[in-house]
mmCIF file of all heavy atoms, coordinates in Angstrom:
data_MODEL
# 
_entry.id   MODEL 
# 
loop_
_atom_site.group_PDB 
_atom_site.id 
_atom_site.type_symbol 
_atom_site.label_atom_id 
_atom_site.label_alt_id 
_atom_site.label_comp_id 
_atom_site.label_asym_id 
_atom_site.label_entity_id 
_atom_site.label_seq_id 
_atom_site.pdbx_PDB_ins_code 
_atom_site.Cartn_x 
_atom_site.Cartn_y 
_atom_site.Cartn_z 
_atom_site.occupancy 
_atom_site.B_iso_or_equiv 
_atom_site.pdbx_formal_charge 
_atom_site.auth_seq_id 
_atom_site.auth_comp_id 
_atom_site.auth_asym_id 
_atom_site.auth_atom_id 
_atom_site.pdbx_PDB_model_num 
ATOM 1   N N   . ARG A 1 1  ? 91.371  102.803 106.340 1.00 0.00 ? 1  ARG A N   1 
ATOM 2   C CA  . ARG A 1 1  ? 89.935  102.392 106.402 1.00 0.00 ? 1  ARG A CA  1 
ATOM 3   C C   . ARG A 1 1  ? 89.298  102.619 105.034 1.00 0.00 ? 1  ARG A C   1 
ATOM 4   O O   . ARG A 1 1  ? 88.527  101.827 104.563 1.00 0.00 ? 1  ARG A O   1 
ATOM 5   C CB  . ARG A 1 1  ? 89.177  103.066 107.513 1.00 0.00 ? 1  ARG A CB  1 
ATOM 6   C CG  . ARG A 1 1  ? 89.536  102.495 108.898 1.00 0.00 ? 1  ARG A CG  1 
ATOM 7   C CD  . ARG A 1 1  ? 88.454  102.978 109.886 1.00 0.00 ? 1  ARG A CD  1 
ATOM 8   N NE  . ARG A 1 1  ? 88.399  104.479 109.979 1.00 0.00 ? 1  ARG A NE  1 
ATOM 9   C CZ  . ARG A 1 1  ? 89.179  105.158 110.843 1.00 0.00 ? 1  ARG A CZ  1 
ATOM 10  N NH1 . ARG A 1 1  ? 90.026  104.589 111.627 1.00 0.00 ? 1  ARG A NH1 1 
ATOM 11  N NH2 . ARG A 1 1  ? 89.069  106.447 110.861 1.00 0.00 ? 1  ARG A NH2 1 
ATOM 12  N N   . THR A 1 2  ? 89.486  103.778 104.466 1.00 0.00 ? 2  THR A N   1 
ATOM 13  C CA  . THR A 1 2  ? 88.926  104.142 103.176 1.00 0.00 ? 2  THR A CA  1 
ATOM 14  C C   . THR A 1 2  ? 89.251  103.197 102.087 1.00 0.00 ? 2  THR A C   1 
ATOM 15  O O   . THR A 1 2  ? 88.433  102.708 101.315 1.00 0.00 ? 2  THR A O   1 
ATOM 16  C CB  . THR A 1 2  ? 89.346  105.564 102.756 1.00 0.00 ? 2  THR A CB  1 
ATOM 17  O OG1 . THR A 1 2  ? 88.857  106.420 103.699 1.00 0.00 ? 2  THR A OG1 1 
ATOM 18  C CG2 . THR A 1 2  ? 88.757  105.866 101.371 1.00 0.00 ? 2  THR A CG2 1 
ATOM 19  N N   . ILE A 1 3  ? 90.517  102.686 102.068 1.00 0.00 ? 3  ILE A N   1 
ATOM 20  C CA  . ILE A 1 3  ? 90.944  101.728 101.101 1.00 0.00 ? 3  ILE A CA  1 
ATOM 21  C C   . ILE A 1 3  ? 90.329  100.335 101.407 1.00 0.00 ? 3  ILE A C   1 
ATOM 22  O O   . ILE A 1 3  ? 89.885  99.596  100.544 1.00 0.00 ? 3  ILE A O   1 
ATOM 23  C CB  . ILE A 1 3  ? 92.479  101.686 100.945 1.00 0.00 ? 3  ILE A CB  1 
ATOM 24  C CG1 . ILE A 1 3  ? 93.000  102.965 100.480 1.00 0.00 ? 3  ILE A CG1 1 
ATOM 25  C CG2 . ILE A 1 3  ? 92.886  100.549 100.134 1.00 0.00 ? 3  ILE A CG2 1 
ATOM 26  C CD1 . ILE A 1 3  ? 94.547  103.071 100.632 1.00 0.00 ? 3  ILE A CD1 1 
ATOM 27  N N   . LYS A 1 4  ? 90.371  99.944  102.617 1.00 0.00 ? 4  LYS A N   1 
ATOM 28  C CA  . LYS A 1 4  ? 89.809  98.648  103.056 1.00 0.00 ? 4  LYS A CA  1 
ATOM 29  C C   . LYS A 1 4  ? 88.347  98.541  102.790 1.00 0.00 ? 4  LYS A C   1 
ATOM 30  O O   . LYS A 1 4  ? 87.897  97.413  102.556 1.00 0.00 ? 4  LYS A O   1 
ATOM 31  C CB  . LYS A 1 4  ? 90.144  98.421  104.581 1.00 0.00 ? 4  LYS A CB  1 
ATOM 32  C CG  . LYS A 1 4  ? 91.583  98.005  104.869 1.00 0.00 ? 4  LYS A CG  1 
ATOM 33  C CD  . LYS A 1 4  ? 91.725  97.673  106.262 1.00 0.00 ? 4  LYS A CD  1 
ATOM 34  C CE  . LYS A 1 4  ? 93.071  97.049  106.533 1.00 0.00 ? 4  LYS A CE  1 
ATOM 35  N NZ  . LYS A 1 4  ? 93.280  96.690  107.962 1.00 0.00 ? 4  LYS A NZ  1 
ATOM 36  N N   . GLU A 1 5  ? 87.572  99.680  102.826 1.00 0.00 ? 5  GLU A N   1 
ATOM 37  C CA  . GLU A 1 5  ? 86.197  99.556  102.521 1.00 0.00 ? 5  GLU A CA  1 
ATOM 38  C C   . GLU A 1 5  ? 85.895  99.151  101.124 1.00 0.00 ? 5  GLU A C   1 
ATOM 39  O O   . GLU A 1 5  ? 84.767  98.600  100.814 1.00 0.00 ? 5  GLU A O   1 
ATOM 40  C CB  . GLU A 1 5  ? 85.540  100.951 102.791 1.00 0.00 ? 5  GLU A CB  1 
ATOM 41  C CG  . GLU A 1 5  ? 85.380  101.271 104.319 1.00 0.00 ? 5  GLU A CG  1 
ATOM 42  C CD  . GLU A 1 5  ? 84.958  102.755 104.583 1.00 0.00 ? 5  GLU A CD  1 
ATOM 43  O OE1 . GLU A 1 5  ? 84.792  103.456 103.537 1.00 0.00 ? 5  GLU A OE1 1 
ATOM 44  O OE2 . GLU A 1 5  ? 84.890  103.091 105.726 1.00 0.00 ? 5  GLU A OE2 1 
ATOM 45  N N   . VAL A 1 6  ? 86.826  99.298  100.240 1.00 0.00 ? 6  VAL A N   1 
ATOM 46  C CA  . VAL A 1 6  ? 86.543  99.151  98.811  1.00 0.00 ? 6  VAL A CA  1 
ATOM 47  C C   . VAL A 1 6  ? 87.343  97.848  98.304  1.00 0.00 ? 6  VAL A C   1 
ATOM 48  O O   . VAL A 1 6  ? 86.832  97.120  97.478  1.00 0.00 ? 6  VAL A O   1 
ATOM 49  C CB  . VAL A 1 6  ? 86.942  100.311 97.937  1.00 0.00 ? 6  VAL A CB  1 
ATOM 50  C CG1 . VAL A 1 6  ? 86.733  100.023 96.492  1.00 0.00 ? 6  VAL A CG1 1 
ATOM 51  C CG2 . VAL A 1 6  ? 86.098  101.504 98.384  1.00 0.00 ? 6  VAL A CG2 1 
ATOM 52  N N   . PHE A 1 7  ? 88.557  97.594  98.828  1.00 0.00 ? 7  PHE A N   1 
ATOM 53  C CA  . PHE A 1 7  ? 89.405  96.494  98.260  1.00 0.00 ? 7  PHE A CA  1 
ATOM 54  C C   . PHE A 1 7  ? 89.458  95.457  99.318  1.00 0.00 ? 7  PHE A C   1 
ATOM 55  O O   . PHE A 1 7  ? 89.878  95.680  100.465 1.00 0.00 ? 7  PHE A O   1 
ATOM 56  C CB  . PHE A 1 7  ? 90.845  97.107  98.047  1.00 0.00 ? 7  PHE A CB  1 
ATOM 57  C CG  . PHE A 1 7  ? 91.715  96.013  97.423  1.00 0.00 ? 7  PHE A CG  1 
ATOM 58  C CD1 . PHE A 1 7  ? 91.542  95.524  96.104  1.00 0.00 ? 7  PHE A CD1 1 
ATOM 59  C CD2 . PHE A 1 7  ? 92.879  95.589  98.211  1.00 0.00 ? 7  PHE A CD2 1 
ATOM 60  C CE1 . PHE A 1 7  ? 92.391  94.631  95.532  1.00 0.00 ? 7  PHE A CE1 1 
ATOM 61  C CE2 . PHE A 1 7  ? 93.702  94.603  97.638  1.00 0.00 ? 7  PHE A CE2 1 
ATOM 62  C CZ  . PHE A 1 7  ? 93.481  94.112  96.381  1.00 0.00 ? 7  PHE A CZ  1 
ATOM 63  N N   . ASP A 1 8  ? 89.033  94.222  98.944  1.00 0.00 ? 8  ASP A N   1 
ATOM 64  C CA  . ASP A 1 8  ? 89.023  93.095  99.862  1.00 0.00 ? 8  ASP A CA  1 
ATOM 65  C C   . ASP A 1 8  ? 90.094  92.133  99.710  1.00 0.00 ? 8  ASP A C   1 
ATOM 66  O O   . ASP A 1 8  ? 90.197  91.019  100.265 1.00 0.00 ? 8  ASP A O   1 
ATOM 67  C CB  . ASP A 1 8  ? 87.671  92.369  99.751  1.00 0.00 ? 8  ASP A CB  1 
ATOM 68  C CG  . ASP A 1 8  ? 87.404  91.762  98.419  1.00 0.00 ? 8  ASP A CG  1 
ATOM 69  O OD1 . ASP A 1 8  ? 88.316  91.900  97.451  1.00 0.00 ? 8  ASP A OD1 1 
ATOM 70  O OD2 . ASP A 1 8  ? 86.392  91.146  98.164  1.00 0.00 ? 8  ASP A OD2 1 
ATOM 71  N N   . GLY A 1 9  ? 91.194  92.513  98.934  1.00 0.00 ? 9  GLY A N   1 
ATOM 72  C CA  . GLY A 1 9  ? 92.380  91.730  98.832  1.00 0.00 ? 9  GLY A CA  1 
ATOM 73  C C   . GLY A 1 9  ? 93.327  91.926  100.014 1.00 0.00 ? 9  GLY A C   1 
ATOM 74  O O   . GLY A 1 9  ? 92.979  92.578  100.995 1.00 0.00 ? 9  GLY A O   1 
ATOM 75  N N   . ASN A 1 10 ? 94.493  91.451  99.879  1.00 0.00 ? 10 ASN A N   1 
ATOM 76  C CA  . ASN A 1 10 ? 95.550  91.683  100.890 1.00 0.00 ? 10 ASN A CA  1 
ATOM 77  C C   . ASN A 1 10 ? 95.938  93.118  100.909 1.00 0.00 ? 10 ASN A C   1 
ATOM 78  O O   . ASN A 1 10 ? 96.239  93.662  100.010 1.00 0.00 ? 10 ASN A O   1 
ATOM 79  C CB  . ASN A 1 10 ? 96.734  90.691  100.632 1.00 0.00 ? 10 ASN A CB  1 
ATOM 80  C CG  . ASN A 1 10 ? 96.422  89.284  100.544 1.00 0.00 ? 10 ASN A CG  1 
ATOM 81  O OD1 . ASN A 1 10 ? 95.549  88.821  101.220 1.00 0.00 ? 10 ASN A OD1 1 
ATOM 82  N ND2 . ASN A 1 10 ? 97.162  88.592  99.661  1.00 0.00 ? 10 ASN A ND2 1 
ATOM 83  N N   . ILE A 1 11 ? 95.992  93.584  102.157 1.00 0.00 ? 11 ILE A N   1 
ATOM 84  C CA  . ILE A 1 11 ? 96.576  94.956  102.423 1.00 0.00 ? 11 ILE A CA  1 
ATOM 85  C C   . ILE A 1 11 ? 97.477  94.913  103.546 1.00 0.00 ? 11 ILE A C   1 
ATOM 86  O O   . ILE A 1 11 ? 97.201  94.485  104.611 1.00 0.00 ? 11 ILE A O   1 
ATOM 87  C CB  . ILE A 1 11 ? 95.311  96.024  102.703 1.00 0.00 ? 11 ILE A CB  1 
ATOM 88  C CG1 . ILE A 1 11 ? 94.394  96.090  101.525 1.00 0.00 ? 11 ILE A CG1 1 
ATOM 89  C CG2 . ILE A 1 11 ? 95.906  97.387  102.994 1.00 0.00 ? 11 ILE A CG2 1 
ATOM 90  C CD1 . ILE A 1 11 ? 93.180  96.961  101.788 1.00 0.00 ? 11 ILE A CD1 1 
ATOM 91  N N   . GLU A 1 12 ? 98.648  95.548  103.349 1.00 0.00 ? 12 GLU A N   1 
ATOM 92  C CA  . GLU A 1 12 ? 99.722  95.441  104.364 1.00 0.00 ? 12 GLU A CA  1 
ATOM 93  C C   . GLU A 1 12 ? 100.484 96.871  104.382 1.00 0.00 ? 12 GLU A C   1 
ATOM 94  O O   . GLU A 1 12 ? 100.764 97.453  103.355 1.00 0.00 ? 12 GLU A O   1 
ATOM 95  C CB  . GLU A 1 12 ? 100.735 94.402  104.014 1.00 0.00 ? 12 GLU A CB  1 
ATOM 96  C CG  . GLU A 1 12 ? 101.727 94.075  105.074 1.00 0.00 ? 12 GLU A CG  1 
ATOM 97  C CD  . GLU A 1 12 ? 101.123 93.296  106.293 1.00 0.00 ? 12 GLU A CD  1 
ATOM 98  O OE1 . GLU A 1 12 ? 100.096 92.606  106.095 1.00 0.00 ? 12 GLU A OE1 1 
ATOM 99  O OE2 . GLU A 1 12 ? 101.631 93.378  107.341 1.00 0.00 ? 12 GLU A OE2 1 
ATOM 100 N N   . ILE A 1 13 ? 100.764 97.261  105.540 1.00 0.00 ? 13 ILE A N   1 
ATOM 101 C CA  . ILE A 1 13 ? 101.558 98.438  105.794 1.00 0.00 ? 13 ILE A CA  1 
ATOM 102 C C   . ILE A 1 13 ? 102.942 97.990  105.878 1.00 0.00 ? 13 ILE A C   1 
ATOM 103 O O   . ILE A 1 13 ? 103.319 97.115  106.678 1.00 0.00 ? 13 ILE A O   1 
ATOM 104 C CB  . ILE A 1 13 ? 101.155 99.275  107.102 1.00 0.00 ? 13 ILE A CB  1 
ATOM 105 C CG1 . ILE A 1 13 ? 99.686  99.737  106.888 1.00 0.00 ? 13 ILE A CG1 1 
ATOM 106 C CG2 . ILE A 1 13 ? 102.099 100.406 107.336 1.00 0.00 ? 13 ILE A CG2 1 
ATOM 107 C CD1 . ILE A 1 13 ? 99.151  100.322 108.212 1.00 0.00 ? 13 ILE A CD1 1 
ATOM 108 N N   . VAL A 1 14 ? 103.851 98.616  105.101 1.00 0.00 ? 14 VAL A N   1 
ATOM 109 C CA  . VAL A 1 14 ? 105.241 98.213  105.066 1.00 0.00 ? 14 VAL A CA  1 
ATOM 110 C C   . VAL A 1 14 ? 106.056 99.143  106.107 1.00 0.00 ? 14 VAL A C   1 
ATOM 111 O O   . VAL A 1 14 ? 106.279 100.359 105.847 1.00 0.00 ? 14 VAL A O   1 
ATOM 112 C CB  . VAL A 1 14 ? 105.889 98.424  103.660 1.00 0.00 ? 14 VAL A CB  1 
ATOM 113 C CG1 . VAL A 1 14 ? 107.341 98.024  103.675 1.00 0.00 ? 14 VAL A CG1 1 
ATOM 114 C CG2 . VAL A 1 14 ? 105.099 97.570  102.622 1.00 0.00 ? 14 VAL A CG2 1 
ATOM 115 N N   . LYS A 1 15 ? 106.394 98.509  107.111 1.00 0.00 ? 15 LYS A N   1 
ATOM 116 C CA  . LYS A 1 15 ? 107.118 99.212  108.199 1.00 0.00 ? 15 LYS A CA  1 
ATOM 117 C C   . LYS A 1 15 ? 108.595 99.279  107.923 1.00 0.00 ? 15 LYS A C   1 
ATOM 118 O O   . LYS A 1 15 ? 109.404 98.643  108.449 1.00 0.00 ? 15 LYS A O   1 
ATOM 119 C CB  . LYS A 1 15 ? 106.849 98.574  109.565 1.00 0.00 ? 15 LYS A CB  1 
ATOM 120 C CG  . LYS A 1 15 ? 105.374 98.727  109.968 1.00 0.00 ? 15 LYS A CG  1 
ATOM 121 C CD  . LYS A 1 15 ? 105.126 98.085  111.330 1.00 0.00 ? 15 LYS A CD  1 
ATOM 122 C CE  . LYS A 1 15 ? 103.699 98.312  111.843 1.00 0.00 ? 15 LYS A CE  1 
ATOM 123 N NZ  . LYS A 1 15 ? 102.677 97.813  110.929 1.00 0.00 ? 15 LYS A NZ  1 
ATOM 124 N N   . SER A 1 16 ? 108.944 100.100 106.961 1.00 0.00 ? 16 SER A N   1 
ATOM 125 C CA  . SER A 1 16 ? 110.272 100.311 106.388 1.00 0.00 ? 16 SER A CA  1 
ATOM 126 C C   . SER A 1 16 ? 110.624 101.666 106.131 1.00 0.00 ? 16 SER A C   1 
ATOM 127 O O   . SER A 1 16 ? 109.774 102.612 106.025 1.00 0.00 ? 16 SER A O   1 
ATOM 128 C CB  . SER A 1 16 ? 110.375 99.413  105.106 1.00 0.00 ? 16 SER A CB  1 
ATOM 129 O OG  . SER A 1 16 ? 111.548 99.754  104.382 1.00 0.00 ? 16 SER A OG  1 
ATOM 130 N N   . ARG A 1 17 ? 112.003 101.978 106.085 1.00 0.00 ? 17 ARG A N   1 
ATOM 131 C CA  . ARG A 1 17 ? 112.377 103.326 105.773 1.00 0.00 ? 17 ARG A CA  1 
ATOM 132 C C   . ARG A 1 17 ? 112.135 103.536 104.251 1.00 0.00 ? 17 ARG A C   1 
ATOM 133 O O   . ARG A 1 17 ? 112.181 104.764 103.774 1.00 0.00 ? 17 ARG A O   1 
ATOM 134 C CB  . ARG A 1 17 ? 113.858 103.465 106.045 1.00 0.00 ? 17 ARG A CB  1 
ATOM 135 C CG  . ARG A 1 17 ? 114.814 102.635 105.181 1.00 0.00 ? 17 ARG A CG  1 
ATOM 136 C CD  . ARG A 1 17 ? 116.273 102.781 105.663 1.00 0.00 ? 17 ARG A CD  1 
ATOM 137 N NE  . ARG A 1 17 ? 117.212 102.039 104.841 1.00 0.00 ? 17 ARG A NE  1 
ATOM 138 C CZ  . ARG A 1 17 ? 117.540 100.764 104.944 1.00 0.00 ? 17 ARG A CZ  1 
ATOM 139 N NH1 . ARG A 1 17 ? 116.816 100.062 105.732 1.00 0.00 ? 17 ARG A NH1 1 
ATOM 140 N NH2 . ARG A 1 17 ? 118.446 100.254 104.102 1.00 0.00 ? 17 ARG A NH2 1 
ATOM 141 N N   . TYR A 1 18 ? 111.875 102.569 103.521 1.00 0.00 ? 18 TYR A N   1 
ATOM 142 C CA  . TYR A 1 18 ? 111.609 102.760 102.080 1.00 0.00 ? 18 TYR A CA  1 
ATOM 143 C C   . TYR A 1 18 ? 110.067 102.958 101.913 1.00 0.00 ? 18 TYR A C   1 
ATOM 144 O O   . TYR A 1 18 ? 109.255 102.129 102.238 1.00 0.00 ? 18 TYR A O   1 
ATOM 145 C CB  . TYR A 1 18 ? 111.931 101.467 101.267 1.00 0.00 ? 18 TYR A CB  1 
ATOM 146 C CG  . TYR A 1 18 ? 113.414 101.038 101.425 1.00 0.00 ? 18 TYR A CG  1 
ATOM 147 C CD1 . TYR A 1 18 ? 113.843 99.932  101.966 1.00 0.00 ? 18 TYR A CD1 1 
ATOM 148 C CD2 . TYR A 1 18 ? 114.285 101.870 100.749 1.00 0.00 ? 18 TYR A CD2 1 
ATOM 149 C CE1 . TYR A 1 18 ? 115.194 99.626  102.050 1.00 0.00 ? 18 TYR A CE1 1 
ATOM 150 C CE2 . TYR A 1 18 ? 115.696 101.549 100.851 1.00 0.00 ? 18 TYR A CE2 1 
ATOM 151 C CZ  . TYR A 1 18 ? 116.073 100.461 101.475 1.00 0.00 ? 18 TYR A CZ  1 
ATOM 152 O OH  . TYR A 1 18 ? 117.379 100.131 101.588 1.00 0.00 ? 18 TYR A OH  1 
ATOM 153 N N   . THR A 1 19 ? 109.748 104.154 101.524 1.00 0.00 ? 19 THR A N   1 
ATOM 154 C CA  . THR A 1 19 ? 108.257 104.507 101.461 1.00 0.00 ? 19 THR A CA  1 
ATOM 155 C C   . THR A 1 19 ? 107.865 104.891 100.147 1.00 0.00 ? 19 THR A C   1 
ATOM 156 O O   . THR A 1 19 ? 106.612 104.802 99.835  1.00 0.00 ? 19 THR A O   1 
ATOM 157 C CB  . THR A 1 19 ? 108.089 105.798 102.399 1.00 0.00 ? 19 THR A CB  1 
ATOM 158 O OG1 . THR A 1 19 ? 108.881 106.875 101.941 1.00 0.00 ? 19 THR A OG1 1 
ATOM 159 C CG2 . THR A 1 19 ? 108.365 105.541 103.810 1.00 0.00 ? 19 THR A CG2 1 
ATOM 160 N N   . ALA A 1 20 ? 108.752 105.091 99.105  1.00 0.00 ? 20 ALA A N   1 
ATOM 161 C CA  . ALA A 1 20 ? 108.261 105.321 97.763  1.00 0.00 ? 20 ALA A CA  1 
ATOM 162 C C   . ALA A 1 20 ? 108.054 104.012 97.013  1.00 0.00 ? 20 ALA A C   1 
ATOM 163 O O   . ALA A 1 20 ? 108.724 103.679 95.998  1.00 0.00 ? 20 ALA A O   1 
ATOM 164 C CB  . ALA A 1 20 ? 109.273 106.142 96.967  1.00 0.00 ? 20 ALA A CB  1 
ATOM 165 N N   . LEU A 1 21 ? 107.109 103.198 97.522  1.00 0.00 ? 21 LEU A N   1 
ATOM 166 C CA  . LEU A 1 21 ? 106.917 101.871 97.151  1.00 0.00 ? 21 LEU A CA  1 
ATOM 167 C C   . LEU A 1 21 ? 106.574 101.696 95.637  1.00 0.00 ? 21 LEU A C   1 
ATOM 168 O O   . LEU A 1 21 ? 107.002 100.816 94.951  1.00 0.00 ? 21 LEU A O   1 
ATOM 169 C CB  . LEU A 1 21 ? 105.839 101.188 97.946  1.00 0.00 ? 21 LEU A CB  1 
ATOM 170 C CG  . LEU A 1 21 ? 106.060 101.219 99.414  1.00 0.00 ? 21 LEU A CG  1 
ATOM 171 C CD1 . LEU A 1 21 ? 104.827 100.699 100.227 1.00 0.00 ? 21 LEU A CD1 1 
ATOM 172 C CD2 . LEU A 1 21 ? 107.218 100.373 99.744  1.00 0.00 ? 21 LEU A CD2 1 
ATOM 173 N N   . GLY A 1 22 ? 105.794 102.680 95.091  1.00 0.00 ? 22 GLY A N   1 
ATOM 174 C CA  . GLY A 1 22 ? 105.474 102.663 93.698  1.00 0.00 ? 22 GLY A CA  1 
ATOM 175 C C   . GLY A 1 22 ? 106.675 102.883 92.792  1.00 0.00 ? 22 GLY A C   1 
ATOM 176 O O   . GLY A 1 22 ? 106.621 102.451 91.589  1.00 0.00 ? 22 GLY A O   1 
ATOM 177 N N   . ASN A 1 23 ? 107.711 103.484 93.248  1.00 0.00 ? 23 ASN A N   1 
ATOM 178 C CA  . ASN A 1 23 ? 108.930 103.745 92.489  1.00 0.00 ? 23 ASN A CA  1 
ATOM 179 C C   . ASN A 1 23 ? 109.960 102.580 92.562  1.00 0.00 ? 23 ASN A C   1 
ATOM 180 O O   . ASN A 1 23 ? 110.729 102.388 91.674  1.00 0.00 ? 23 ASN A O   1 
ATOM 181 C CB  . ASN A 1 23 ? 109.564 105.031 92.875  1.00 0.00 ? 23 ASN A CB  1 
ATOM 182 C CG  . ASN A 1 23 ? 108.912 106.267 92.338  1.00 0.00 ? 23 ASN A CG  1 
ATOM 183 O OD1 . ASN A 1 23 ? 107.993 106.162 91.498  1.00 0.00 ? 23 ASN A OD1 1 
ATOM 184 N ND2 . ASN A 1 23 ? 109.288 107.442 92.811  1.00 0.00 ? 23 ASN A ND2 1 
ATOM 185 N N   . ILE A 1 24 ? 109.969 101.960 93.759  1.00 0.00 ? 24 ILE A N   1 
ATOM 186 C CA  . ILE A 1 24 ? 110.999 100.944 93.952  1.00 0.00 ? 24 ILE A CA  1 
ATOM 187 C C   . ILE A 1 24 ? 110.574 99.498  93.545  1.00 0.00 ? 24 ILE A C   1 
ATOM 188 O O   . ILE A 1 24 ? 111.436 98.580  93.618  1.00 0.00 ? 24 ILE A O   1 
ATOM 189 C CB  . ILE A 1 24 ? 111.543 101.042 95.379  1.00 0.00 ? 24 ILE A CB  1 
ATOM 190 C CG1 . ILE A 1 24 ? 110.396 100.649 96.323  1.00 0.00 ? 24 ILE A CG1 1 
ATOM 191 C CG2 . ILE A 1 24 ? 112.169 102.265 95.746  1.00 0.00 ? 24 ILE A CG2 1 
ATOM 192 C CD1 . ILE A 1 24 ? 110.844 100.528 97.811  1.00 0.00 ? 24 ILE A CD1 1 
ATOM 193 N N   . CYS A 1 25 ? 109.301 99.312  93.302  1.00 0.00 ? 25 CYS A N   1 
ATOM 194 C CA  . CYS A 1 25 ? 108.847 97.968  92.882  1.00 0.00 ? 25 CYS A CA  1 
ATOM 195 C C   . CYS A 1 25 ? 107.986 97.995  91.645  1.00 0.00 ? 25 CYS A C   1 
ATOM 196 O O   . CYS A 1 25 ? 107.174 98.893  91.422  1.00 0.00 ? 25 CYS A O   1 
ATOM 197 C CB  . CYS A 1 25 ? 107.947 97.443  94.029  1.00 0.00 ? 25 CYS A CB  1 
ATOM 198 S SG  . CYS A 1 25 ? 107.296 95.808  93.802  1.00 0.00 ? 25 CYS A SG  1 
# 
């Protein structure tokens, strides 16, 4: 909610075992 209050672009939760998204992409 905190992020959505400020950013109005696309926001998606990645339901994956890969969680270090900033490192893998």
